N, C-alpha and C. Protein backbone atom coordinates (compact mmCIF):
# COMPACT_ATOMS: atom_id res chain seq x y z
N UNK A 1 146.49 142.66 128.23
CA UNK A 1 147.10 141.54 128.88
C UNK A 1 146.28 140.91 129.57
N UNK A 2 146.10 139.58 129.98
CA UNK A 2 145.20 139.25 130.65
C UNK A 2 145.49 138.08 131.36
N UNK A 3 145.98 138.08 132.61
CA UNK A 3 146.54 136.79 133.36
C UNK A 3 145.68 136.35 134.49
N UNK A 4 145.92 135.16 134.38
CA UNK A 4 145.19 134.09 135.30
C UNK A 4 145.82 133.40 136.21
N UNK A 5 145.24 132.60 136.92
CA UNK A 5 146.29 131.61 137.84
C UNK A 5 146.76 132.43 138.95
N UNK A 6 147.17 133.53 139.23
CA UNK A 6 147.52 134.23 140.27
C UNK A 6 147.02 135.54 140.79
N UNK A 7 146.92 135.68 141.75
CA UNK A 7 146.88 136.98 142.13
C UNK A 7 147.36 138.00 142.64
N UNK A 8 147.30 139.27 143.07
CA UNK A 8 148.18 140.39 143.50
C UNK A 8 148.93 139.80 144.94
N UNK A 9 150.30 140.19 144.94
CA UNK A 9 150.84 141.09 144.14
C UNK A 9 151.64 140.28 142.84
N UNK A 10 151.60 139.07 142.85
CA UNK A 10 151.86 138.25 141.51
C UNK A 10 151.74 138.85 140.61
N UNK A 11 150.52 138.71 140.21
CA UNK A 11 149.49 139.33 139.17
C UNK A 11 150.29 140.67 138.68
N UNK A 12 150.29 141.64 139.80
CA UNK A 12 150.66 143.09 139.36
C UNK A 12 152.35 142.74 138.63
N UNK A 13 152.97 142.01 139.49
CA UNK A 13 154.40 142.03 138.84
C UNK A 13 154.35 141.48 137.68
N UNK A 14 153.57 140.26 137.40
CA UNK A 14 153.56 139.96 136.08
C UNK A 14 153.11 140.84 135.05
N UNK A 15 152.27 141.85 135.14
CA UNK A 15 151.92 142.73 134.09
C UNK A 15 152.88 143.66 134.18
N UNK A 16 153.38 143.92 135.08
CA UNK A 16 154.61 144.55 135.11
C UNK A 16 155.99 144.39 134.13
N UNK A 17 156.09 143.22 134.30
CA UNK A 17 157.20 142.64 133.76
C UNK A 17 156.92 142.58 131.94
N UNK A 18 155.74 142.03 131.77
CA UNK A 18 155.08 141.85 130.47
C UNK A 18 154.80 143.02 129.63
N UNK A 19 154.65 144.03 130.47
CA UNK A 19 153.88 145.25 129.54
C UNK A 19 154.86 146.28 128.59
N UNK A 20 155.18 145.38 127.55
CA UNK A 20 156.41 145.95 126.57
C UNK A 20 155.81 145.88 125.31
N UNK A 21 154.61 145.15 125.08
CA UNK A 21 154.41 145.28 123.51
C UNK A 21 152.90 145.85 123.80
N UNK A 22 152.81 146.93 122.69
CA UNK A 22 151.28 147.31 122.67
C UNK A 22 150.44 146.34 121.67
N UNK A 23 149.48 146.21 122.37
CA UNK A 23 148.41 144.91 121.72
C UNK A 23 147.27 145.66 121.36
N UNK A 24 146.71 147.03 121.30
CA UNK A 24 145.75 147.57 121.26
C UNK A 24 145.28 147.68 119.52
N UNK A 25 144.46 148.11 119.25
CA UNK A 25 143.99 148.30 117.98
C UNK A 25 145.12 149.10 117.08
N UNK A 26 146.16 149.69 117.38
CA UNK A 26 147.15 150.63 116.72
C UNK A 26 147.93 149.55 116.85
N UNK A 27 148.19 148.48 117.18
CA UNK A 27 149.37 147.44 116.98
C UNK A 27 149.82 147.10 115.65
N UNK A 28 150.85 147.18 115.29
CA UNK A 28 151.62 146.58 114.09
C UNK A 28 152.04 145.48 114.12
N UNK A 29 151.29 144.36 114.78
CA UNK A 29 151.78 143.24 115.05
C UNK A 29 151.62 141.88 113.92
N UNK A 30 152.25 141.42 113.08
CA UNK A 30 151.79 140.53 112.13
C UNK A 30 151.56 138.96 112.76
N UNK A 31 151.11 138.07 112.22
CA UNK A 31 150.57 136.86 112.87
C UNK A 31 151.78 136.20 113.18
N UNK A 32 152.81 136.24 112.28
CA UNK A 32 153.99 135.56 112.31
C UNK A 32 154.73 136.01 113.38
N UNK A 33 154.63 136.87 113.92
CA UNK A 33 155.41 137.58 115.10
C UNK A 33 154.76 136.96 116.54
N UNK A 34 153.72 136.38 116.68
CA UNK A 34 152.76 136.05 117.76
C UNK A 34 153.73 134.97 118.87
N UNK A 35 154.49 133.99 117.76
CA UNK A 35 155.29 133.28 118.67
C UNK A 35 156.42 133.65 119.45
N UNK A 36 156.90 134.83 118.99
CA UNK A 36 158.01 135.29 119.41
C UNK A 36 157.59 136.26 120.71
N UNK A 37 156.49 136.88 120.43
CA UNK A 37 156.15 137.51 121.33
C UNK A 37 155.33 136.78 122.48
N UNK A 38 154.73 135.76 122.36
CA UNK A 38 154.33 134.75 123.47
C UNK A 38 155.39 134.04 124.23
N UNK A 39 156.55 134.03 123.55
CA UNK A 39 157.74 133.33 124.14
C UNK A 39 158.35 134.42 125.30
N UNK A 40 158.43 135.74 124.61
CA UNK A 40 159.01 136.67 125.46
C UNK A 40 158.30 136.97 126.78
N UNK A 41 156.67 137.14 126.23
CA UNK A 41 155.81 137.16 127.63
C UNK A 41 155.94 136.30 128.69
N UNK A 42 156.03 134.56 127.98
CA UNK A 42 156.24 133.71 129.07
C UNK A 42 157.54 133.67 129.82
N UNK A 43 158.82 133.96 129.21
CA UNK A 43 159.78 134.23 129.77
C UNK A 43 159.88 135.26 130.93
N UNK A 44 159.10 136.66 130.50
CA UNK A 44 159.05 137.48 131.47
C UNK A 44 158.14 137.56 132.54
N UNK A 45 157.22 136.53 132.52
CA UNK A 45 156.12 136.19 133.55
C UNK A 45 157.09 135.28 134.30
N UNK A 46 157.70 134.46 133.94
CA UNK A 46 158.35 133.70 135.04
C UNK A 46 159.48 134.27 135.72
N UNK A 47 160.15 135.31 135.10
CA UNK A 47 160.97 135.96 135.86
C UNK A 47 160.19 136.89 136.79
N UNK A 48 159.28 137.40 136.67
CA UNK A 48 158.16 138.07 137.73
C UNK A 48 157.92 137.46 138.96
N UNK A 49 157.98 135.76 138.75
CA UNK A 49 157.37 135.11 139.62
C UNK A 49 158.45 134.97 141.16
N UNK A 50 159.80 135.00 140.41
CA UNK A 50 160.81 134.88 141.24
C UNK A 50 160.96 135.46 142.35
N UNK A 51 160.92 136.92 142.49
CA UNK A 51 161.14 137.61 143.96
C UNK A 51 160.22 137.26 144.86
N UNK A 52 159.12 136.19 144.54
CA UNK A 52 157.96 135.96 145.62
C UNK A 52 158.03 134.48 145.85
N UNK A 53 159.34 133.62 145.31
CA UNK A 53 159.30 132.34 145.84
C UNK A 53 159.24 131.49 144.70
N UNK A 54 158.96 131.76 143.66
CA UNK A 54 158.30 130.66 142.51
C UNK A 54 159.48 130.58 141.14
N UNK A 55 160.07 129.80 141.32
CA UNK A 55 161.20 129.39 140.30
C UNK A 55 160.82 128.36 139.56
N UNK A 56 159.71 127.82 139.39
CA UNK A 56 159.53 126.85 138.41
C UNK A 56 158.36 127.01 137.96
N UNK A 57 157.64 127.94 137.43
CA UNK A 57 156.23 127.99 137.17
C UNK A 57 156.05 127.37 135.83
N UNK A 58 154.69 127.11 135.39
CA UNK A 58 154.34 126.59 134.25
C UNK A 58 153.44 128.08 133.36
N UNK A 59 153.87 128.57 132.53
CA UNK A 59 153.19 129.85 131.61
C UNK A 59 153.12 129.53 130.52
N UNK A 60 151.78 129.54 130.52
CA UNK A 60 151.17 129.27 128.68
C UNK A 60 150.67 130.75 128.12
N UNK A 61 150.94 131.27 127.08
CA UNK A 61 150.22 132.19 126.81
C UNK A 61 149.87 132.18 125.47
N UNK A 62 149.14 133.13 125.23
CA UNK A 62 148.35 132.82 123.65
C UNK A 62 147.77 134.27 123.31
N UNK A 63 147.83 134.72 121.92
CA UNK A 63 147.39 135.99 121.63
C UNK A 63 145.86 135.88 120.85
N UNK A 64 144.87 136.53 121.16
CA UNK A 64 143.66 136.49 120.78
C UNK A 64 143.11 137.74 119.93
N UNK A 65 142.26 137.99 119.01
CA UNK A 65 141.88 139.21 118.62
C UNK A 65 140.27 139.25 119.06
N UNK A 66 140.27 140.15 119.89
CA UNK A 66 139.14 140.98 120.58
C UNK A 66 138.16 141.44 119.28
N UNK A 67 137.00 141.41 120.11
CA UNK A 67 135.61 142.11 118.85
C UNK A 67 136.04 143.37 118.25
N UNK A 68 136.76 144.53 119.25
CA UNK A 68 137.24 145.54 118.63
C UNK A 68 138.57 145.51 117.90
N UNK A 69 138.87 144.38 117.63
CA UNK A 69 140.14 144.16 116.75
C UNK A 69 141.30 144.39 117.12
N UNK A 70 141.21 144.65 118.35
CA UNK A 70 142.69 144.93 119.23
C UNK A 70 142.88 143.32 119.55
N UNK A 71 144.13 143.25 119.87
CA UNK A 71 144.89 142.01 120.15
C UNK A 71 145.14 141.95 121.79
N UNK A 72 145.01 140.63 122.25
CA UNK A 72 145.24 140.38 123.52
C UNK A 72 145.74 139.04 124.26
N UNK A 73 147.06 139.60 124.96
CA UNK A 73 147.78 138.36 125.44
C UNK A 73 147.16 137.94 126.60
N UNK A 74 146.98 136.36 126.36
CA UNK A 74 146.51 135.86 127.68
C UNK A 74 147.69 135.03 128.25
N UNK A 75 147.84 134.91 129.59
CA UNK A 75 148.84 134.35 129.95
C UNK A 75 148.02 133.28 131.36
N UNK A 76 148.30 132.14 131.26
CA UNK A 76 147.78 131.15 131.68
C UNK A 76 148.81 130.97 132.72
N UNK A 77 148.95 130.75 134.27
CA UNK A 77 150.06 130.65 134.96
C UNK A 77 150.00 129.54 135.86
N UNK A 78 150.39 128.71 136.14
CA UNK A 78 150.51 127.87 137.39
C UNK A 78 151.83 128.09 137.83
N UNK A 79 151.78 128.58 139.20
CA UNK A 79 153.02 129.42 139.66
C UNK A 79 153.93 127.86 140.13
N UNK A 80 153.58 126.95 140.20
CA UNK A 80 154.32 125.76 140.77
C UNK A 80 154.91 125.72 142.13
N UNK A 81 155.58 124.85 142.34
CA UNK A 81 156.02 124.64 144.06
C UNK A 81 156.28 125.98 144.73
N UNK A 82 156.37 126.64 145.51
CA UNK A 82 157.17 127.69 146.14
C UNK A 82 158.49 127.02 146.59
N UNK A 83 159.42 127.99 146.43
CA UNK A 83 160.81 127.67 147.38
C UNK A 83 160.56 128.02 148.72
N UNK A 84 160.88 127.33 149.97
CA UNK A 84 160.26 127.39 151.03
C UNK A 84 162.00 127.54 151.80
N UNK A 85 161.74 128.20 152.78
CA UNK A 85 162.97 128.47 153.78
C UNK A 85 163.25 127.47 154.77
N UNK A 86 164.53 126.75 154.23
CA UNK A 86 165.11 125.58 155.04
C UNK A 86 165.93 125.88 156.56
N UNK A 87 166.07 127.05 156.43
CA UNK A 87 167.15 127.57 157.34
C UNK A 87 167.24 129.21 157.39
N UNK A 88 167.26 130.15 158.45
CA UNK A 88 167.67 131.28 158.17
C UNK A 88 168.74 131.83 159.29
N UNK A 89 169.80 132.05 159.19
CA UNK A 89 170.82 132.55 160.02
C UNK A 89 170.79 133.89 159.80
N UNK A 90 170.69 134.61 161.07
CA UNK A 90 170.46 136.30 161.13
C UNK A 90 171.45 136.64 162.35
N UNK A 91 172.48 137.55 162.12
CA UNK A 91 173.19 137.64 163.04
C UNK A 91 173.70 139.12 163.28
N UNK A 92 174.06 139.43 164.44
CA UNK A 92 174.10 140.85 164.85
C UNK A 92 175.88 140.77 165.40
N UNK A 93 176.62 141.68 164.88
CA UNK A 93 177.70 142.08 165.45
C UNK A 93 178.16 143.48 165.35
N UNK A 94 179.25 143.92 166.37
CA UNK A 94 179.83 144.85 166.24
C UNK A 94 179.18 145.91 167.64
N UNK A 95 179.78 146.98 167.63
CA UNK A 95 179.37 147.82 168.76
C UNK A 95 177.77 147.83 169.10
N UNK A 96 177.00 147.50 168.51
CA UNK A 96 175.53 147.99 168.44
C UNK A 96 174.84 146.51 168.72
N UNK A 97 175.73 145.35 168.71
CA UNK A 97 174.76 144.22 169.05
C UNK A 97 174.01 144.20 169.95
N UNK A 98 173.91 145.09 171.00
CA UNK A 98 172.89 144.89 172.44
C UNK A 98 171.98 145.92 172.00
N UNK A 99 171.89 146.85 171.14
CA UNK A 99 170.87 147.78 170.71
C UNK A 99 169.47 146.93 170.50
N UNK A 100 168.39 147.33 171.37
CA UNK A 100 167.51 146.65 171.48
C UNK A 100 166.46 146.71 170.40
N UNK A 101 166.72 147.82 169.54
CA UNK A 101 165.65 147.73 168.17
C UNK A 101 166.25 146.84 167.22
N UNK A 102 167.49 146.52 167.13
CA UNK A 102 168.28 145.69 166.58
C UNK A 102 167.93 144.29 166.90
N UNK A 103 167.74 143.97 168.04
CA UNK A 103 167.65 142.31 168.59
C UNK A 103 166.34 142.09 168.23
N UNK A 104 165.31 143.01 168.57
CA UNK A 104 163.89 142.99 168.04
C UNK A 104 163.66 142.63 166.43
N UNK A 105 164.16 143.45 165.94
CA UNK A 105 164.32 142.98 164.50
C UNK A 105 164.76 141.88 164.30
N UNK A 106 165.97 141.13 164.92
CA UNK A 106 166.20 139.94 164.39
C UNK A 106 165.44 139.16 164.82
N UNK A 107 164.76 139.12 166.15
CA UNK A 107 164.03 138.17 166.93
C UNK A 107 162.62 137.97 166.38
N UNK A 108 162.27 139.05 165.64
CA UNK A 108 161.07 138.87 164.72
C UNK A 108 161.15 139.14 163.16
N UNK A 109 162.46 138.28 163.01
CA UNK A 109 162.71 138.34 161.53
C UNK A 109 161.40 137.56 160.87
N UNK A 110 161.08 137.97 159.68
CA UNK A 110 159.57 137.30 159.07
C UNK A 110 159.90 136.17 158.30
N UNK A 111 161.11 136.12 157.58
CA UNK A 111 161.08 134.85 156.78
C UNK A 111 161.55 133.92 157.69
N UNK A 112 160.77 132.98 158.31
CA UNK A 112 160.99 131.87 159.42
C UNK A 112 161.28 130.49 158.42
N UNK A 113 161.86 129.69 159.01
CA UNK A 113 161.85 128.01 158.56
C UNK A 113 160.08 127.81 158.36
N UNK A 114 160.00 127.46 156.96
CA UNK A 114 158.89 126.92 156.60
C UNK A 114 158.05 128.07 155.92
N UNK A 115 158.34 129.26 155.79
CA UNK A 115 157.79 130.41 154.98
C UNK A 115 158.08 130.06 153.62
N UNK A 116 157.37 130.56 152.78
CA UNK A 116 157.81 130.84 151.25
C UNK A 116 158.57 131.79 151.39
N UNK A 117 160.05 131.80 150.40
CA UNK A 117 160.71 132.82 150.15
C UNK A 117 159.94 133.93 149.34
N UNK A 118 160.47 135.41 150.10
CA UNK A 118 159.85 136.54 149.35
C UNK A 118 161.07 137.64 149.33
N UNK A 119 161.56 137.74 148.26
CA UNK A 119 163.02 138.43 148.45
C UNK A 119 162.63 140.13 148.41
N UNK A 120 161.09 140.36 148.44
CA UNK A 120 160.73 142.05 148.50
C UNK A 120 161.08 141.98 149.98
N UNK A 121 160.20 141.00 150.67
CA UNK A 121 160.66 141.24 152.10
C UNK A 121 162.06 141.21 152.36
N UNK A 122 162.59 140.27 152.09
CA UNK A 122 164.32 140.02 152.46
C UNK A 122 164.96 141.49 151.97
N UNK A 123 164.63 142.00 151.28
CA UNK A 123 165.32 143.52 150.53
C UNK A 123 164.91 144.52 151.59
N UNK A 124 163.63 144.59 151.85
CA UNK A 124 163.20 145.44 152.74
C UNK A 124 163.51 145.38 154.31
N UNK A 125 163.43 144.10 154.95
CA UNK A 125 164.32 144.22 156.27
C UNK A 125 165.72 144.39 156.10
N UNK A 126 166.31 143.84 155.31
CA UNK A 126 167.79 144.62 155.14
C UNK A 126 167.87 146.05 155.49
N UNK A 127 167.13 146.73 154.48
CA UNK A 127 167.23 148.29 154.41
C UNK A 127 166.61 149.08 155.70
N UNK A 128 165.76 148.30 156.52
CA UNK A 128 165.27 148.39 157.56
C UNK A 128 166.36 148.43 158.85
N UNK A 129 167.04 147.51 158.77
CA UNK A 129 168.06 147.20 159.77
C UNK A 129 169.02 148.02 159.65
N UNK A 130 169.54 148.44 158.42
CA UNK A 130 170.50 149.60 158.24
C UNK A 130 170.14 150.95 158.87
N UNK A 131 168.70 151.13 158.08
CA UNK A 131 168.12 152.66 158.80
C UNK A 131 168.09 152.62 160.47
N UNK A 132 167.73 151.49 161.05
CA UNK A 132 167.72 151.62 162.38
C UNK A 132 169.00 151.74 162.79
N UNK A 133 170.00 151.25 162.14
CA UNK A 133 171.25 151.30 162.87
C UNK A 133 171.85 152.73 162.65
N UNK A 134 171.88 152.94 161.53
CA UNK A 134 172.37 154.56 161.29
C UNK A 134 171.38 155.34 162.70
N UNK A 135 170.01 155.18 162.24
CA UNK A 135 169.25 156.23 163.43
C UNK A 135 169.99 156.09 164.76
N UNK A 136 171.05 155.22 165.08
CA UNK A 136 171.22 155.11 166.51
C UNK A 136 172.96 155.58 166.44
N UNK A 137 173.40 156.12 165.36
CA UNK A 137 174.78 156.48 165.33
C UNK A 137 175.75 155.62 164.46
N UNK A 138 174.97 154.63 164.20
CA UNK A 138 176.17 153.00 163.52
C UNK A 138 175.95 153.68 161.98
N UNK A 139 176.74 154.57 161.80
CA UNK A 139 176.72 155.15 160.31
C UNK A 139 177.51 154.12 159.07
N UNK A 140 178.40 153.24 159.78
CA UNK A 140 178.99 152.38 158.89
C UNK A 140 178.58 151.23 159.27
N UNK A 141 177.37 151.07 159.51
CA UNK A 141 176.55 149.51 159.67
C UNK A 141 176.42 149.21 158.02
N UNK A 142 176.97 147.91 158.39
CA UNK A 142 176.73 147.15 156.56
C UNK A 142 176.83 145.70 156.86
N UNK A 143 176.45 144.87 155.98
CA UNK A 143 176.24 143.31 155.83
C UNK A 143 177.57 142.99 155.55
N UNK A 144 178.16 141.82 156.47
CA UNK A 144 179.49 141.54 156.03
C UNK A 144 179.00 140.00 155.32
N UNK A 145 177.60 139.45 155.42
CA UNK A 145 177.09 138.24 154.55
C UNK A 145 175.61 138.74 154.19
N UNK A 146 175.58 138.46 153.01
CA UNK A 146 174.02 138.40 152.91
C UNK A 146 173.79 137.65 151.74
N UNK A 147 173.27 136.33 151.84
CA UNK A 147 173.22 135.28 150.83
C UNK A 147 171.89 134.79 150.75
N UNK A 148 171.50 134.70 150.03
CA UNK A 148 170.31 133.61 149.63
C UNK A 148 170.77 132.46 148.97
N UNK A 149 170.72 131.18 149.60
CA UNK A 149 171.16 130.08 149.13
C UNK A 149 170.13 129.34 148.53
N UNK A 150 169.81 129.26 147.03
CA UNK A 150 168.88 128.33 146.55
C UNK A 150 168.84 127.15 146.13
N UNK A 151 168.36 126.19 146.26
CA UNK A 151 168.24 124.89 145.69
C UNK A 151 167.15 124.83 145.14
N UNK A 152 167.02 124.78 143.48
CA UNK A 152 165.78 125.15 142.56
C UNK A 152 165.12 123.97 142.55
N UNK A 153 166.18 122.46 142.57
CA UNK A 153 165.44 121.26 142.35
C UNK A 153 164.76 120.75 143.71
N UNK A 154 165.23 121.31 144.72
CA UNK A 154 164.36 121.16 146.09
C UNK A 154 163.32 121.98 146.39
N UNK A 155 163.16 122.92 145.85
CA UNK A 155 162.58 124.46 146.14
C UNK A 155 162.85 124.77 147.41
N UNK A 156 164.07 124.91 147.69
CA UNK A 156 164.47 125.24 148.92
C UNK A 156 165.42 126.66 149.09
N UNK A 157 165.46 127.25 150.45
CA UNK A 157 166.27 128.38 150.46
C UNK A 157 166.93 128.23 151.68
N UNK A 158 168.23 128.69 151.90
CA UNK A 158 169.01 129.16 153.40
C UNK A 158 169.21 130.48 153.10
N UNK A 159 168.67 131.13 154.04
CA UNK A 159 168.99 132.49 154.32
C UNK A 159 170.37 132.71 155.11
N UNK A 160 171.03 133.89 154.91
CA UNK A 160 172.26 134.32 155.74
C UNK A 160 172.68 135.72 155.77
N UNK A 161 172.47 136.12 156.89
CA UNK A 161 172.73 137.73 157.00
C UNK A 161 173.57 137.85 158.43
N UNK A 162 174.62 138.77 158.16
CA UNK A 162 175.54 139.17 159.11
C UNK A 162 175.61 140.61 159.27
N UNK A 163 174.98 141.40 160.25
CA UNK A 163 174.99 142.72 160.15
C UNK A 163 176.29 143.40 161.08
N UNK A 164 177.10 143.98 160.64
CA UNK A 164 178.28 144.27 161.58
C UNK A 164 177.66 145.74 161.70
N UNK A 165 177.48 146.49 163.00
CA UNK A 165 177.36 147.78 162.97
C UNK A 165 178.09 148.67 162.97
N UNK A 166 179.41 147.99 163.28
CA UNK A 166 180.38 149.04 163.39
C UNK A 166 180.70 149.96 164.75
N UNK A 167 181.32 150.80 164.74
CA UNK A 167 181.36 151.61 165.69
C UNK A 167 180.27 152.81 165.61
N UNK A 168 179.71 153.54 166.98
CA UNK A 168 178.82 154.11 167.25
C UNK A 168 179.57 155.56 166.89
N UNK A 169 178.73 156.51 166.17
CA UNK A 169 179.60 157.92 166.02
C UNK A 169 178.71 158.51 167.15
N UNK A 170 179.34 159.75 167.78
CA UNK A 170 178.59 160.36 168.92
C UNK A 170 179.30 161.67 168.42
N UNK A 171 178.39 162.98 168.79
CA UNK A 171 178.96 164.15 168.66
C UNK A 171 179.40 164.58 170.46
N UNK A 172 180.56 165.38 170.17
CA UNK A 172 181.05 165.78 171.08
C UNK A 172 180.51 167.25 171.68
N UNK A 173 181.23 168.26 172.37
CA UNK A 173 180.53 169.14 172.85
C UNK A 173 180.94 170.04 171.46
N UNK A 174 179.57 170.79 171.34
CA UNK A 174 179.49 171.54 170.10
C UNK A 174 179.35 173.29 170.99
N UNK A 175 180.52 173.99 169.71
CA UNK A 175 180.64 175.55 170.28
C UNK A 175 180.34 176.25 169.13
N UNK A 176 179.37 177.29 169.46
CA UNK A 176 179.14 177.96 168.24
C UNK A 176 179.84 179.44 168.29
N UNK A 177 180.31 180.03 167.28
CA UNK A 177 181.04 181.16 167.45
C UNK A 177 179.81 182.30 167.63
N UNK A 178 180.56 183.46 166.89
CA UNK A 178 179.59 184.61 166.76
C UNK A 178 178.26 184.26 165.60
N UNK A 179 177.19 184.53 166.02
CA UNK A 179 176.25 184.25 164.86
C UNK A 179 175.19 185.36 165.22
N UNK A 180 174.12 185.40 164.06
CA UNK A 180 173.37 186.38 163.89
C UNK A 180 171.67 186.02 164.00
N UNK A 181 171.92 184.18 164.55
CA UNK A 181 170.43 183.85 164.95
C UNK A 181 169.97 184.44 166.30
N UNK A 182 168.71 184.30 166.41
CA UNK A 182 168.13 184.64 167.60
C UNK A 182 168.51 183.43 168.80
N UNK A 183 168.66 184.10 169.56
CA UNK A 183 169.54 183.43 170.75
C UNK A 183 168.49 182.16 171.26
N UNK A 184 169.20 181.13 171.45
CA UNK A 184 168.57 180.08 171.81
C UNK A 184 168.46 178.66 170.69
N UNK A 185 168.49 179.36 169.66
CA UNK A 185 168.12 178.44 168.60
C UNK A 185 169.17 177.51 168.56
N UNK A 186 170.48 177.92 168.30
CA UNK A 186 171.53 176.94 168.14
C UNK A 186 171.84 176.11 169.37
N UNK A 187 171.49 176.53 170.37
CA UNK A 187 171.98 176.35 171.81
C UNK A 187 170.82 175.11 172.10
N UNK A 188 169.82 175.10 171.47
CA UNK A 188 168.70 174.17 171.96
C UNK A 188 168.92 172.91 171.52
N UNK A 189 169.13 171.79 172.22
CA UNK A 189 169.62 170.27 171.80
C UNK A 189 168.54 169.33 172.45
N UNK A 190 167.68 168.92 171.80
CA UNK A 190 166.79 167.97 172.14
C UNK A 190 167.40 166.79 172.85
N UNK A 191 166.91 166.35 174.00
CA UNK A 191 167.47 165.09 174.60
C UNK A 191 166.71 163.92 174.55
């Protein structure tokens, strides 16, 4: 495969999505199959650009025979206009609303108005918030709302996240009965 017109991480994702047909010397691909293989690769390449905010690309593919008699699928990609964030509504509710780390997460939200939509970042940030909440005892933290509203005609997106931390779980007094461990091991509780 040869991909032109985009760099990593877009290029890497395109290669990941289209790497389904063997085109080397051992390929058993007849010329009358080329159109179907090209159409499938173009469709997959277009899908691979979506997580990075490109929903209206122009992908042109062609298959050529190389000097060593292997086949090469070439994809020329014009990624088209990016989907730009028009609004981002990020909200915290629940008992953990005053937790400093979560407030910093919200205040430093990377997908701001005017940025290109990046669903990889969107998913990573959602996961990060849940992990932060759970690390502070908010084991039932969940998103009441997590929506990407896309307008593909206008190439715009509105992001909506509402994280409900739920209640904070705390351990009470812990009592250990008879045990055979070295004294002090179970009793040591870091603060």
